[in-house]
Amino acid sequence: MAGRVLTRCVNRNLLFAAGDKSIRIRGRNRYYWTAFKRTSTTLINGHTIFLLGIPTISCLGYQAYHSVRSSAVLHALEKDEVLEQVDYLYSCAETEKLYQLLLKYKDSDDAEFLWRLARASRDLALLPKMVAERKKQLIFEAFEYAQKALEKNENCYAAHKWYAVCLSDVGDYEGVKMKIGNSLIIRKHLERAVELNPKDATSIHILGLWCFSFAELPWYQRKLAAVIFASPPASTYEEALAFFLKAEEVDPNFYSKNLLMLGKTYLSLKDKQKALLWLNKAQDYPAHTLEDKEVHNEAVELLKKLS
């Protein structure tokens, strides 16, 4: 990472970052010469009029243009470097540091900062021993940031994904009726996230979780769903399995919980052999995070019951 940052610093005056593309700044001398030649002399009625003031104004205009352009370049590079630092902290599970860094950008108009802040707020809320009231506050903050990210850029797949996740979390505090009522909205945003980025395995995985949840919905919640909707949301284990397998196809071994859910889904489908295969993979997955450890423990318990 240090090497990439150094490269950016060396190229600070040469590159303009725009999204994932780098555009070289060209034509500075050509722009200046054209401006000078265009305004050097004018011939009217046989008299040569030297427009002495205009070249000066043109130079000032060029300097202003260059200043604005340089500012834009600097801003783009700074954004890129901050996001790289953010993603590094996320990869290291430095949740508190990540949240504090992103909190500086809570009033940003950039969806890339806002959806990451939503994710960081949620991750902080889910840390062990988090005080209940603070956890609730962070969950609602996360939803607010995700909502704002979506407002700023409705074509940002990650904004759709985290809006769906955070809306589901908020439902935990608003009761079963509200949670079921939001379920179709949640699925719509997850499907939009996958449409915008078919290679995002986590969005596909979460769609699988959505399907699994409704496939195993208790009878009394099914009855409640039938009251809320003329056609209540429903799914099957087969549909959930298709999403979990697709996520694994897109990004093999990307997430311990996807391995676990494949095992649990095959269990629900009474396919013990395949359930054992995926549960063993979940058990053997390197435990880098707290969630990985929880997945490992659950896989171990399920394997004990199957042995």
C-alpha atoms as a PDB file:
ATOM      1  CA  MET A   1       0.000   0.000   0.000  1.00  0.00           C
ATOM      2  CA  ALA A   2       2.872   2.339   0.818  1.00  0.00           C
ATOM      3  CA  GLY A   3       4.198   1.830  -2.691  1.00  0.00           C
ATOM      4  CA  ARG A   4       0.870   2.735  -4.228  1.00  0.00           C
ATOM      5  CA  VAL A   5       0.606   5.854  -2.101  1.00  0.00           C
ATOM      6  CA  LEU A   6       4.135   6.850  -3.096  1.00  0.00           C
ATOM      7  CA  THR A   7       3.272   6.365  -6.753  1.00  0.00           C
ATOM      8  CA  ARG A   8       0.256   8.621  -6.309  1.00  0.00           C
ATOM      9  CA  CYS A   9       2.397  11.304  -4.706  1.00  0.00           C
ATOM     10  CA  VAL A  10       4.929  11.186  -7.553  1.00  0.00           C
ATOM     11  CA  ASN A  11       2.127  11.414 -10.112  1.00  0.00           C
ATOM     12  CA  ARG A  12       0.147  14.041  -8.225  1.00  0.00           C
ATOM     13  CA  ASN A  13       0.607  16.599 -11.004  1.00  0.00           C
ATOM     14  CA  LEU A  14       0.066  14.090 -13.816  1.00  0.00           C
ATOM     15  CA  LEU A  15      -3.011  12.060 -12.975  1.00  0.00           C
ATOM     16  CA  PHE A  16      -6.643  12.922 -12.452  1.00  0.00           C
ATOM     17  CA  ALA A  17      -8.548  10.117 -10.719  1.00  0.00           C
ATOM     18  CA  ALA A  18     -12.166   9.713 -11.799  1.00  0.00           C
ATOM     19  CA  GLY A  19     -13.813   6.701 -10.263  1.00  0.00           C
ATOM     20  CA  ASP A  20     -11.673   3.691 -11.152  1.00  0.00           C
ATOM     21  CA  LYS A  21     -10.083   5.433 -14.171  1.00  0.00           C
ATOM     22  CA  SER A  22      -7.008   7.618 -14.413  1.00  0.00           C
ATOM     23  CA  ILE A  23      -7.039  10.384 -17.014  1.00  0.00           C
ATOM     24  CA  ARG A  24      -3.836  12.129 -17.945  1.00  0.00           C
ATOM     25  CA  ILE A  25      -3.870  15.914 -18.043  1.00  0.00           C
ATOM     26  CA  ARG A  26      -2.814  16.991 -21.503  1.00  0.00           C
ATOM     27  CA  GLY A  27      -2.662  20.099 -23.650  1.00  0.00           C
ATOM     28  CA  ARG A  28      -1.559  22.726 -21.156  1.00  0.00           C
ATOM     29  CA  ASN A  29       0.941  24.351 -23.521  1.00  0.00           C
ATOM     30  CA  ARG A  30      -1.388  23.961 -26.492  1.00  0.00           C
ATOM     31  CA  TYR A  31      -4.199  25.675 -24.600  1.00  0.00           C
ATOM     32  CA  TYR A  32      -1.988  28.610 -23.629  1.00  0.00           C
ATOM     33  CA  TRP A  33      -0.505  29.095 -27.116  1.00  0.00           C
ATOM     34  CA  THR A  34      -3.937  29.043 -28.755  1.00  0.00           C
ATOM     35  CA  ALA A  35      -5.209  31.648 -26.334  1.00  0.00           C
ATOM     36  CA  PHE A  36      -2.200  33.888 -27.012  1.00  0.00           C
ATOM     37  CA  LYS A  37      -2.351  33.541 -30.814  1.00  0.00           C
ATOM     38  CA  ARG A  38      -6.102  34.112 -30.932  1.00  0.00           C
ATOM     39  CA  THR A  39      -5.845  37.401 -29.028  1.00  0.00           C
ATOM     40  CA  SER A  40      -2.536  38.829 -30.260  1.00  0.00           C
ATOM     41  CA  THR A  41      -3.629  41.163 -33.033  1.00  0.00           C
ATOM     42  CA  THR A  42      -6.756  42.340 -34.844  1.00  0.00           C
ATOM     43  CA  LEU A  43      -6.797  44.248 -38.172  1.00  0.00           C
ATOM     44  CA  ILE A  44      -9.652  46.740 -38.553  1.00  0.00           C
ATOM     45  CA  ASN A  45      -9.927  49.215 -41.461  1.00  0.00           C
ATOM     46  CA  GLY A  46      -6.253  48.965 -42.234  1.00  0.00           C
ATOM     47  CA  HIS A  47      -5.243  49.680 -38.655  1.00  0.00           C
ATOM     48  CA  THR A  48      -3.559  47.179 -36.445  1.00  0.00           C
ATOM     49  CA  ILE A  49      -5.038  47.192 -32.978  1.00  0.00           C
ATOM     50  CA  PHE A  50      -3.011  45.402 -30.322  1.00  0.00           C
ATOM     51  CA  LEU A  51      -5.371  44.004 -27.728  1.00  0.00           C
ATOM     52  CA  LEU A  52      -2.924  44.348 -24.887  1.00  0.00           C
ATOM     53  CA  GLY A  53      -5.462  43.772 -22.165  1.00  0.00           C
ATOM     54  CA  ILE A  54      -6.912  40.539 -23.503  1.00  0.00           C
ATOM     55  CA  PRO A  55      -3.757  38.396 -23.383  1.00  0.00           C
ATOM     56  CA  THR A  56      -3.397  39.427 -19.732  1.00  0.00           C
ATOM     57  CA  ILE A  57      -7.000  38.440 -19.020  1.00  0.00           C
ATOM     58  CA  SER A  58      -6.475  35.200 -20.927  1.00  0.00           C
ATOM     59  CA  CYS A  59      -3.435  34.438 -18.792  1.00  0.00           C
ATOM     60  CA  LEU A  60      -5.396  35.145 -15.644  1.00  0.00           C
ATOM     61  CA  GLY A  61      -8.220  32.983 -16.942  1.00  0.00           C
ATOM     62  CA  TYR A  62      -5.771  30.201 -17.651  1.00  0.00           C
ATOM     63  CA  GLN A  63      -4.278  30.521 -14.189  1.00  0.00           C
ATOM     64  CA  ALA A  64      -7.765  30.330 -12.665  1.00  0.00           C
ATOM     65  CA  TYR A  65      -8.559  27.331 -14.846  1.00  0.00           C
ATOM     66  CA  HIS A  66      -5.313  25.657 -13.833  1.00  0.00           C
ATOM     67  CA  SER A  67      -5.974  26.422 -10.148  1.00  0.00           C
ATOM     68  CA  VAL A  68      -9.466  24.891 -10.271  1.00  0.00           C
ATOM     69  CA  ARG A  69      -8.168  21.911 -12.213  1.00  0.00           C
ATOM     70  CA  SER A  70      -5.323  21.375  -9.751  1.00  0.00           C
ATOM     71  CA  SER A  71      -7.769  21.595  -6.860  1.00  0.00           C
ATOM     72  CA  ALA A  72      -9.965  18.955  -8.493  1.00  0.00           C
ATOM     73  CA  VAL A  73      -6.959  16.709  -9.037  1.00  0.00           C
ATOM     74  CA  LEU A  74      -5.861  17.131  -5.411  1.00  0.00           C
ATOM     75  CA  HIS A  75      -9.382  16.442  -4.149  1.00  0.00           C
ATOM     76  CA  ALA A  76      -9.672  13.299  -6.259  1.00  0.00           C
ATOM     77  CA  LEU A  77      -6.315  12.020  -5.067  1.00  0.00           C
ATOM     78  CA  GLU A  78      -7.132  12.770  -1.438  1.00  0.00           C
ATOM     79  CA  LYS A  79     -10.452  10.936  -1.773  1.00  0.00           C
ATOM     80  CA  ASP A  80      -8.722   7.949  -3.323  1.00  0.00           C
ATOM     81  CA  GLU A  81      -6.135   7.830  -0.545  1.00  0.00           C
ATOM     82  CA  VAL A  82      -8.744   8.166   2.222  1.00  0.00           C
ATOM     83  CA  LEU A  83     -10.855   5.384   0.725  1.00  0.00           C
ATOM     84  CA  GLU A  84      -7.780   3.192   0.480  1.00  0.00           C
ATOM     85  CA  GLN A  85      -7.085   3.801   4.166  1.00  0.00           C
ATOM     86  CA  VAL A  86     -10.742   3.086   4.975  1.00  0.00           C
ATOM     87  CA  ASP A  87     -10.714  -0.197   3.083  1.00  0.00           C
ATOM     88  CA  TYR A  88      -7.443  -1.186   4.740  1.00  0.00           C
ATOM     89  CA  LEU A  89      -8.893  -0.584   8.218  1.00  0.00           C
ATOM     90  CA  TYR A  90     -11.968  -2.593   7.256  1.00  0.00           C
ATOM     91  CA  SER A  91      -9.811  -5.502   6.083  1.00  0.00           C
ATOM     92  CA  CYS A  92      -8.000  -5.409   9.449  1.00  0.00           C
ATOM     93  CA  ALA A  93     -11.294  -5.338  11.404  1.00  0.00           C
ATOM     94  CA  GLU A  94     -10.278  -2.038  13.057  1.00  0.00           C
ATOM     95  CA  THR A  95     -13.927  -1.164  13.585  1.00  0.00           C
ATOM     96  CA  GLU A  96     -13.596   1.721  16.058  1.00  0.00           C
ATOM     97  CA  LYS A  97     -10.791   3.449  14.135  1.00  0.00           C
ATOM     98  CA  LEU A  98     -12.697   2.989  10.897  1.00  0.00           C
ATOM     99  CA  TYR A  99     -15.850   4.506  12.342  1.00  0.00           C
ATOM    100  CA  GLN A 100     -13.994   7.522  13.752  1.00  0.00           C
ATOM    101  CA  LEU A 101     -12.251   8.154  10.428  1.00  0.00           C
ATOM    102  CA  LEU A 102     -15.460   7.950   8.392  1.00  0.00           C
ATOM    103  CA  LEU A 103     -17.398  10.072  10.865  1.00  0.00           C
ATOM    104  CA  LYS A 104     -15.468  13.069   9.511  1.00  0.00           C
ATOM    105  CA  TYR A 105     -17.319  12.542   6.219  1.00  0.00           C
ATOM    106  CA  LYS A 106     -20.844  12.154   7.597  1.00  0.00           C
ATOM    107  CA  ASP A 107     -21.931  15.350   5.807  1.00  0.00           C
ATOM    108  CA  SER A 108     -20.303  14.341   2.538  1.00  0.00           C
ATOM    109  CA  ASP A 109     -22.215  14.334  -0.728  1.00  0.00           C
ATOM    110  CA  ASP A 110     -20.223  11.328  -1.880  1.00  0.00           C
ATOM    111  CA  ALA A 111     -22.013   7.972  -1.680  1.00  0.00           C
ATOM    112  CA  GLU A 112     -18.677   6.149  -1.463  1.00  0.00           C
ATOM    113  CA  PHE A 113     -18.028   7.653   1.968  1.00  0.00           C
ATOM    114  CA  LEU A 114     -21.619   7.369   3.143  1.00  0.00           C
ATOM    115  CA  TRP A 115     -22.248   3.685   2.459  1.00  0.00           C
ATOM    116  CA  ARG A 116     -18.942   2.836   4.111  1.00  0.00           C
ATOM    117  CA  LEU A 117     -19.983   4.893   7.131  1.00  0.00           C
ATOM    118  CA  ALA A 118     -23.288   2.997   7.234  1.00  0.00           C
ATOM    119  CA  ARG A 119     -21.390  -0.287   7.209  1.00  0.00           C
ATOM    120  CA  ALA A 120     -18.939   0.894   9.888  1.00  0.00           C
ATOM    121  CA  SER A 121     -21.771   2.143  12.127  1.00  0.00           C
ATOM    122  CA  ARG A 122     -23.494  -1.221  11.843  1.00  0.00           C
ATOM    123  CA  ASP A 123     -20.279  -3.150  12.508  1.00  0.00           C
ATOM    124  CA  LEU A 124     -19.653  -1.036  15.605  1.00  0.00           C
ATOM    125  CA  ALA A 125     -23.199  -1.677  16.825  1.00  0.00           C
ATOM    126  CA  LEU A 126     -22.677  -5.425  16.522  1.00  0.00           C
ATOM    127  CA  LEU A 127     -19.500  -5.538  18.580  1.00  0.00           C
ATOM    128  CA  PRO A 128     -19.714  -7.692  21.738  1.00  0.00           C
ATOM    129  CA  LYS A 129     -20.606  -5.917  24.975  1.00  0.00           C
ATOM    130  CA  MET A 130     -22.030  -2.916  23.125  1.00  0.00           C
ATOM    131  CA  VAL A 131     -24.482  -1.132  25.436  1.00  0.00           C
ATOM    132  CA  ALA A 132     -28.058  -1.737  24.234  1.00  0.00           C
ATOM    133  CA  GLU A 133     -29.020   1.926  23.891  1.00  0.00           C
ATOM    134  CA  ARG A 134     -25.821   2.779  22.031  1.00  0.00           C
ATOM    135  CA  LYS A 135     -26.333  -0.215  19.760  1.00  0.00           C
ATOM    136  CA  LYS A 136     -29.816   0.968  18.848  1.00  0.00           C
ATOM    137  CA  GLN A 137     -28.521   4.477  18.165  1.00  0.00           C
ATOM    138  CA  LEU A 138     -25.805   3.137  15.849  1.00  0.00           C
ATOM    139  CA  ILE A 139     -28.269   0.889  13.990  1.00  0.00           C
ATOM    140  CA  PHE A 140     -30.526   3.841  13.223  1.00  0.00           C
ATOM    141  CA  GLU A 141     -27.529   6.015  12.312  1.00  0.00           C
ATOM    142  CA  ALA A 142     -26.347   3.318   9.915  1.00  0.00           C
ATOM    143  CA  PHE A 143     -29.734   3.312   8.203  1.00  0.00           C
ATOM    144  CA  GLU A 144     -29.669   7.104   7.943  1.00  0.00           C
ATOM    145  CA  TYR A 145     -26.228   7.062   6.278  1.00  0.00           C
ATOM    146  CA  ALA A 146     -27.254   4.277   3.893  1.00  0.00           C
ATOM    147  CA  GLN A 147     -30.395   6.195   2.966  1.00  0.00           C
ATOM    148  CA  LYS A 148     -28.341   9.321   2.316  1.00  0.00           C
ATOM    149  CA  ALA A 149     -25.856   7.357   0.189  1.00  0.00           C
ATOM    150  CA  LEU A 150     -28.714   6.081  -1.952  1.00  0.00           C
ATOM    151  CA  GLU A 151     -30.103   9.594  -2.348  1.00  0.00           C
ATOM    152  CA  LYS A 152     -26.700  10.839  -3.511  1.00  0.00           C
ATOM    153  CA  ASN A 153     -26.161   8.051  -6.027  1.00  0.00           C
ATOM    154  CA  GLU A 154     -28.959   5.633  -6.881  1.00  0.00           C
ATOM    155  CA  ASN A 155     -26.615   3.792  -9.260  1.00  0.00           C
ATOM    156  CA  CYS A 156     -24.226   2.795  -6.476  1.00  0.00           C
ATOM    157  CA  TYR A 157     -24.646  -0.937  -5.923  1.00  0.00           C
ATOM    158  CA  ALA A 158     -23.148  -0.795  -2.411  1.00  0.00           C
ATOM    159  CA  ALA A 159     -25.637   1.906  -1.379  1.00  0.00           C
ATOM    160  CA  HIS A 160     -28.512  -0.401  -2.374  1.00  0.00           C
ATOM    161  CA  LYS A 161     -26.928  -3.339  -0.550  1.00  0.00           C
ATOM    162  CA  TRP A 162     -26.347  -1.530   2.735  1.00  0.00           C
ATOM    163  CA  TYR A 163     -29.700   0.222   2.558  1.00  0.00           C
ATOM    164  CA  ALA A 164     -31.311  -3.233   2.423  1.00  0.00           C
ATOM    165  CA  VAL A 165     -29.192  -4.593   5.277  1.00  0.00           C
ATOM    166  CA  CYS A 166     -29.734  -1.549   7.509  1.00  0.00           C
ATOM    167  CA  LEU A 167     -33.470  -1.467   6.798  1.00  0.00           C
ATOM    168  CA  SER A 168     -33.654  -5.073   7.985  1.00  0.00           C
ATOM    169  CA  ASP A 169     -31.737  -4.145  11.156  1.00  0.00           C
ATOM    170  CA  VAL A 170     -34.096  -1.263  11.913  1.00  0.00           C
ATOM    171  CA  GLY A 171     -36.984  -3.707  11.611  1.00  0.00           C
ATOM    172  CA  ASP A 172     -35.633  -5.588  14.631  1.00  0.00           C
ATOM    173  CA  TYR A 173     -36.614  -2.582  16.744  1.00  0.00           C
ATOM    174  CA  GLU A 174     -39.944  -1.912  15.034  1.00  0.00           C
ATOM    175  CA  GLY A 175     -41.570  -5.304  15.433  1.00  0.00           C
ATOM    176  CA  VAL A 176     -42.313  -8.341  13.281  1.00  0.00           C
ATOM    177  CA  LYS A 177     -45.108  -6.611  11.364  1.00  0.00           C
ATOM    178  CA  MET A 178     -42.823  -3.768  10.236  1.00  0.00           C
ATOM    179  CA  LYS A 179     -39.974  -6.181   9.460  1.00  0.00           C
ATOM    180  CA  ILE A 180     -42.174  -8.331   7.238  1.00  0.00           C
ATOM    181  CA  GLY A 181     -43.683  -5.193   5.731  1.00  0.00           C
ATOM    182  CA  ASN A 182     -40.222  -4.013   4.689  1.00  0.00           C
ATOM    183  CA  SER A 183     -39.173  -7.404   3.328  1.00  0.00           C
ATOM    184  CA  LEU A 184     -40.168  -6.809  -0.294  1.00  0.00           C
ATOM    185  CA  ILE A 185     -38.395  -3.429  -0.264  1.00  0.00           C
ATOM    186  CA  ILE A 186     -35.292  -5.162   1.081  1.00  0.00           C
ATOM    187  CA  ARG A 187     -35.360  -7.766  -1.677  1.00  0.00           C
ATOM    188  CA  LYS A 188     -35.881  -5.117  -4.346  1.00  0.00           C
ATOM    189  CA  HIS A 189     -32.752  -3.232  -3.260  1.00  0.00           C
ATOM    190  CA  LEU A 190     -30.694  -6.418  -3.062  1.00  0.00           C
ATOM    191  CA  GLU A 191     -31.757  -7.384  -6.571  1.00  0.00           C
ATOM    192  CA  ARG A 192     -30.848  -3.896  -7.771  1.00  0.00           C
ATOM    193  CA  ALA A 193     -27.420  -4.217  -6.128  1.00  0.00           C
ATOM    194  CA  VAL A 194     -26.812  -7.493  -7.990  1.00  0.00           C
ATOM    195  CA  GLU A 195     -28.070  -5.943 -11.232  1.00  0.00           C
ATOM    196  CA  LEU A 196     -25.595  -3.069 -10.859  1.00  0.00           C
ATOM    197  CA  ASN A 197     -22.726  -5.383  -9.876  1.00  0.00           C
ATOM    198  CA  PRO A 198     -23.258  -9.071 -10.734  1.00  0.00           C
ATOM    199  CA  LYS A 199     -19.789  -9.852  -9.367  1.00  0.00           C
ATOM    200  CA  ASP A 200     -20.560  -8.769  -5.808  1.00  0.00           C
ATOM    201  CA  ALA A 201     -20.805 -12.089  -3.989  1.00  0.00           C
ATOM    202  CA  THR A 202     -22.023 -10.555  -0.726  1.00  0.00           C
ATOM    203  CA  SER A 203     -25.182  -9.092  -2.300  1.00  0.00           C
ATOM    204  CA  ILE A 204     -25.950 -12.500  -3.802  1.00  0.00           C
ATOM    205  CA  HIS A 205     -25.289 -14.137  -0.432  1.00  0.00           C
ATOM    206  CA  ILE A 206     -27.666 -11.751   1.356  1.00  0.00           C
ATOM    207  CA  LEU A 207     -30.365 -12.563  -1.202  1.00  0.00           C
ATOM    208  CA  GLY A 208     -29.810 -16.190  -0.233  1.00  0.00           C
ATOM    209  CA  LEU A 209     -30.285 -15.275   3.432  1.00  0.00           C
ATOM    210  CA  TRP A 210     -33.527 -13.476   2.532  1.00  0.00           C
ATOM    211  CA  CYS A 211     -34.828 -16.587   0.792  1.00  0.00           C
ATOM    212  CA  PHE A 212     -33.688 -18.913   3.589  1.00  0.00           C
ATOM    213  CA  SER A 213     -35.401 -16.747   6.210  1.00  0.00           C
ATOM    214  CA  PHE A 214     -38.742 -16.896   4.415  1.00  0.00           C
ATOM    215  CA  ALA A 215     -38.371 -20.585   3.635  1.00  0.00           C
ATOM    216  CA  GLU A 216     -38.116 -21.345   7.361  1.00  0.00           C
ATOM    217  CA  LEU A 217     -40.595 -18.678   8.520  1.00  0.00           C
ATOM    218  CA  PRO A 218     -42.668 -19.967  11.480  1.00  0.00           C
ATOM    219  CA  TRP A 219     -46.354 -20.594  10.797  1.00  0.00           C
ATOM    220  CA  TYR A 220     -47.566 -17.679  12.945  1.00  0.00           C
ATOM    221  CA  GLN A 221     -45.354 -15.240  11.018  1.00  0.00           C
ATOM    222  CA  ARG A 222     -46.624 -16.671   7.742  1.00  0.00           C
ATOM    223  CA  LYS A 223     -50.144 -15.978   8.972  1.00  0.00           C
ATOM    224  CA  LEU A 224     -49.171 -12.410   9.878  1.00  0.00           C
ATOM    225  CA  ALA A 225     -47.561 -11.945   6.456  1.00  0.00           C
ATOM    226  CA  ALA A 226     -50.803 -13.081   4.822  1.00  0.00           C
ATOM    227  CA  VAL A 227     -52.651 -10.348   6.716  1.00  0.00           C
ATOM    228  CA  ILE A 228     -50.185  -7.638   5.619  1.00  0.00           C
ATOM    229  CA  PHE A 229     -49.907  -8.676   1.977  1.00  0.00           C
ATOM    230  CA  ALA A 230     -52.428  -9.935  -0.532  1.00  0.00           C
ATOM    231  CA  SER A 231     -49.517 -12.029  -1.852  1.00  0.00           C
ATOM    232  CA  PRO A 232     -47.115 -12.360   1.095  1.00  0.00           C
ATOM    233  CA  PRO A 233     -43.372 -12.692   0.483  1.00  0.00           C
ATOM    234  CA  ALA A 234     -42.294 -16.292   0.256  1.00  0.00           C
ATOM    235  CA  SER A 235     -39.355 -18.374  -0.850  1.00  0.00           C
ATOM    236  CA  THR A 236     -37.945 -21.901  -0.797  1.00  0.00           C
ATOM    237  CA  TYR A 237     -34.769 -23.632   0.308  1.00  0.00           C
ATOM    238  CA  GLU A 238     -34.085 -24.388  -3.351  1.00  0.00           C
ATOM    239  CA  GLU A 239     -34.084 -20.683  -4.192  1.00  0.00           C
ATOM    240  CA  ALA A 240     -31.833 -19.912  -1.231  1.00  0.00           C
ATOM    241  CA  LEU A 241     -29.453 -22.686  -2.308  1.00  0.00           C
ATOM    242  CA  ALA A 242     -29.230 -21.252  -5.829  1.00  0.00           C
ATOM    243  CA  PHE A 243     -28.119 -17.870  -4.457  1.00  0.00           C
ATOM    244  CA  PHE A 244     -25.553 -19.359  -2.048  1.00  0.00           C
ATOM    245  CA  LEU A 245     -24.082 -21.497  -4.844  1.00  0.00           C
ATOM    246  CA  LYS A 246     -24.017 -18.505  -7.193  1.00  0.00           C
ATOM    247  CA  ALA A 247     -22.169 -16.434  -4.584  1.00  0.00           C
ATOM    248  CA  GLU A 248     -19.602 -19.200  -4.246  1.00  0.00           C
ATOM    249  CA  GLU A 249     -19.247 -19.375  -8.026  1.00  0.00           C
ATOM    250  CA  VAL A 250     -18.677 -15.628  -8.289  1.00  0.00           C
ATOM    251  CA  ASP A 251     -16.082 -15.555  -5.478  1.00  0.00           C
ATOM    252  CA  PRO A 252     -15.059 -18.995  -4.169  1.00  0.00           C
ATOM    253  CA  ASN A 253     -14.457 -19.302  -0.428  1.00  0.00           C
ATOM    254  CA  PHE A 254     -15.084 -15.566   0.061  1.00  0.00           C
ATOM    255  CA  TYR A 255     -17.083 -15.783   3.292  1.00  0.00           C
ATOM    256  CA  SER A 256     -17.301 -18.324   6.076  1.00  0.00           C
ATOM    257  CA  LYS A 257     -21.029 -17.776   6.568  1.00  0.00           C
ATOM    258  CA  ASN A 258     -21.799 -18.605   2.943  1.00  0.00           C
ATOM    259  CA  LEU A 259     -20.153 -21.995   3.506  1.00  0.00           C
ATOM    260  CA  LEU A 260     -22.199 -22.469   6.679  1.00  0.00           C
ATOM    261  CA  MET A 261     -25.441 -21.497   4.959  1.00  0.00           C
ATOM    262  CA  LEU A 262     -24.785 -23.955   2.156  1.00  0.00           C
ATOM    263  CA  GLY A 263     -24.430 -26.675   4.785  1.00  0.00           C
ATOM    264  CA  LYS A 264     -27.597 -25.601   6.612  1.00  0.00           C
ATOM    265  CA  THR A 265     -29.597 -25.339   3.392  1.00  0.00           C
ATOM    266  CA  TYR A 266     -28.572 -28.831   2.299  1.00  0.00           C
ATOM    267  CA  LEU A 267     -29.581 -30.038   5.772  1.00  0.00           C
ATOM    268  CA  SER A 268     -33.018 -28.490   5.287  1.00  0.00           C
ATOM    269  CA  LEU A 269     -33.233 -30.260   1.924  1.00  0.00           C
ATOM    270  CA  LYS A 270     -32.312 -33.584   3.610  1.00  0.00           C
ATOM    271  CA  ASP A 271     -29.072 -33.931   1.624  1.00  0.00           C
ATOM    272  CA  LYS A 272     -26.750 -35.091   4.393  1.00  0.00           C
ATOM    273  CA  GLN A 273     -23.741 -35.831   2.167  1.00  0.00           C
ATOM    274  CA  LYS A 274     -23.569 -32.324   0.707  1.00  0.00           C
ATOM    275  CA  ALA A 275     -24.380 -30.791   4.073  1.00  0.00           C
ATOM    276  CA  LEU A 276     -21.339 -32.534   5.556  1.00  0.00           C
ATOM    277  CA  LEU A 277     -19.161 -31.282   2.706  1.00  0.00           C
ATOM    278  CA  TRP A 278     -20.016 -27.607   3.255  1.00  0.00           C
ATOM    279  CA  LEU A 279     -20.141 -27.759   7.040  1.00  0.00           C
ATOM    280  CA  ASN A 280     -16.631 -29.196   7.079  1.00  0.00           C
ATOM    281  CA  LYS A 281     -15.500 -26.333   4.857  1.00  0.00           C
ATOM    282  CA  ALA A 282     -17.111 -23.851   7.266  1.00  0.00           C
ATOM    283  CA  GLN A 283     -15.430 -25.556  10.219  1.00  0.00           C
ATOM    284  CA  ASP A 284     -11.996 -25.402   8.545  1.00  0.00           C
ATOM    285  CA  TYR A 285     -12.314 -21.782   7.381  1.00  0.00           C
ATOM    286  CA  PRO A 286      -9.555 -19.580   8.938  1.00  0.00           C
ATOM    287  CA  ALA A 287     -11.121 -17.629  11.804  1.00  0.00           C
ATOM    288  CA  HIS A 288      -9.966 -14.043  11.233  1.00  0.00           C
ATOM    289  CA  THR A 289     -13.012 -12.314  12.706  1.00  0.00           C
ATOM    290  CA  LEU A 290     -15.479 -12.819  15.528  1.00  0.00           C
ATOM    291  CA  GLU A 291     -18.089 -13.889  12.987  1.00  0.00           C
ATOM    292  CA  ASP A 292     -15.688 -16.501  11.576  1.00  0.00           C
ATOM    293  CA  LYS A 293     -15.314 -17.924  15.088  1.00  0.00           C
ATOM    294  CA  GLU A 294     -19.083 -18.022  15.557  1.00  0.00           C
ATOM    295  CA  VAL A 295     -19.469 -19.763  12.197  1.00  0.00           C
ATOM    296  CA  HIS A 296     -16.792 -22.272  13.201  1.00  0.00           C
ATOM    297  CA  ASN A 297     -18.554 -23.064  16.491  1.00  0.00           C
ATOM    298  CA  GLU A 298     -21.956 -23.468  14.826  1.00  0.00           C
ATOM    299  CA  ALA A 299     -20.484 -25.746  12.141  1.00  0.00           C
ATOM    300  CA  VAL A 300     -18.819 -27.884  14.824  1.00  0.00           C
ATOM    301  CA  GLU A 301     -22.134 -28.278  16.713  1.00  0.00           C
ATOM    302  CA  LEU A 302     -24.034 -29.208  13.553  1.00  0.00           C
ATOM    303  CA  LEU A 303     -21.368 -31.749  12.583  1.00  0.00           C
ATOM    304  CA  LYS A 304     -21.620 -33.337  16.031  1.00  0.00           C
ATOM    305  CA  LYS A 305     -25.363 -33.819  15.535  1.00  0.00           C
ATOM    306  CA  LEU A 306     -24.770 -35.419  12.147  1.00  0.00           C
ATOM    307  CA  SER A 307     -22.043 -37.797  13.324  1.00  0.00           C
END
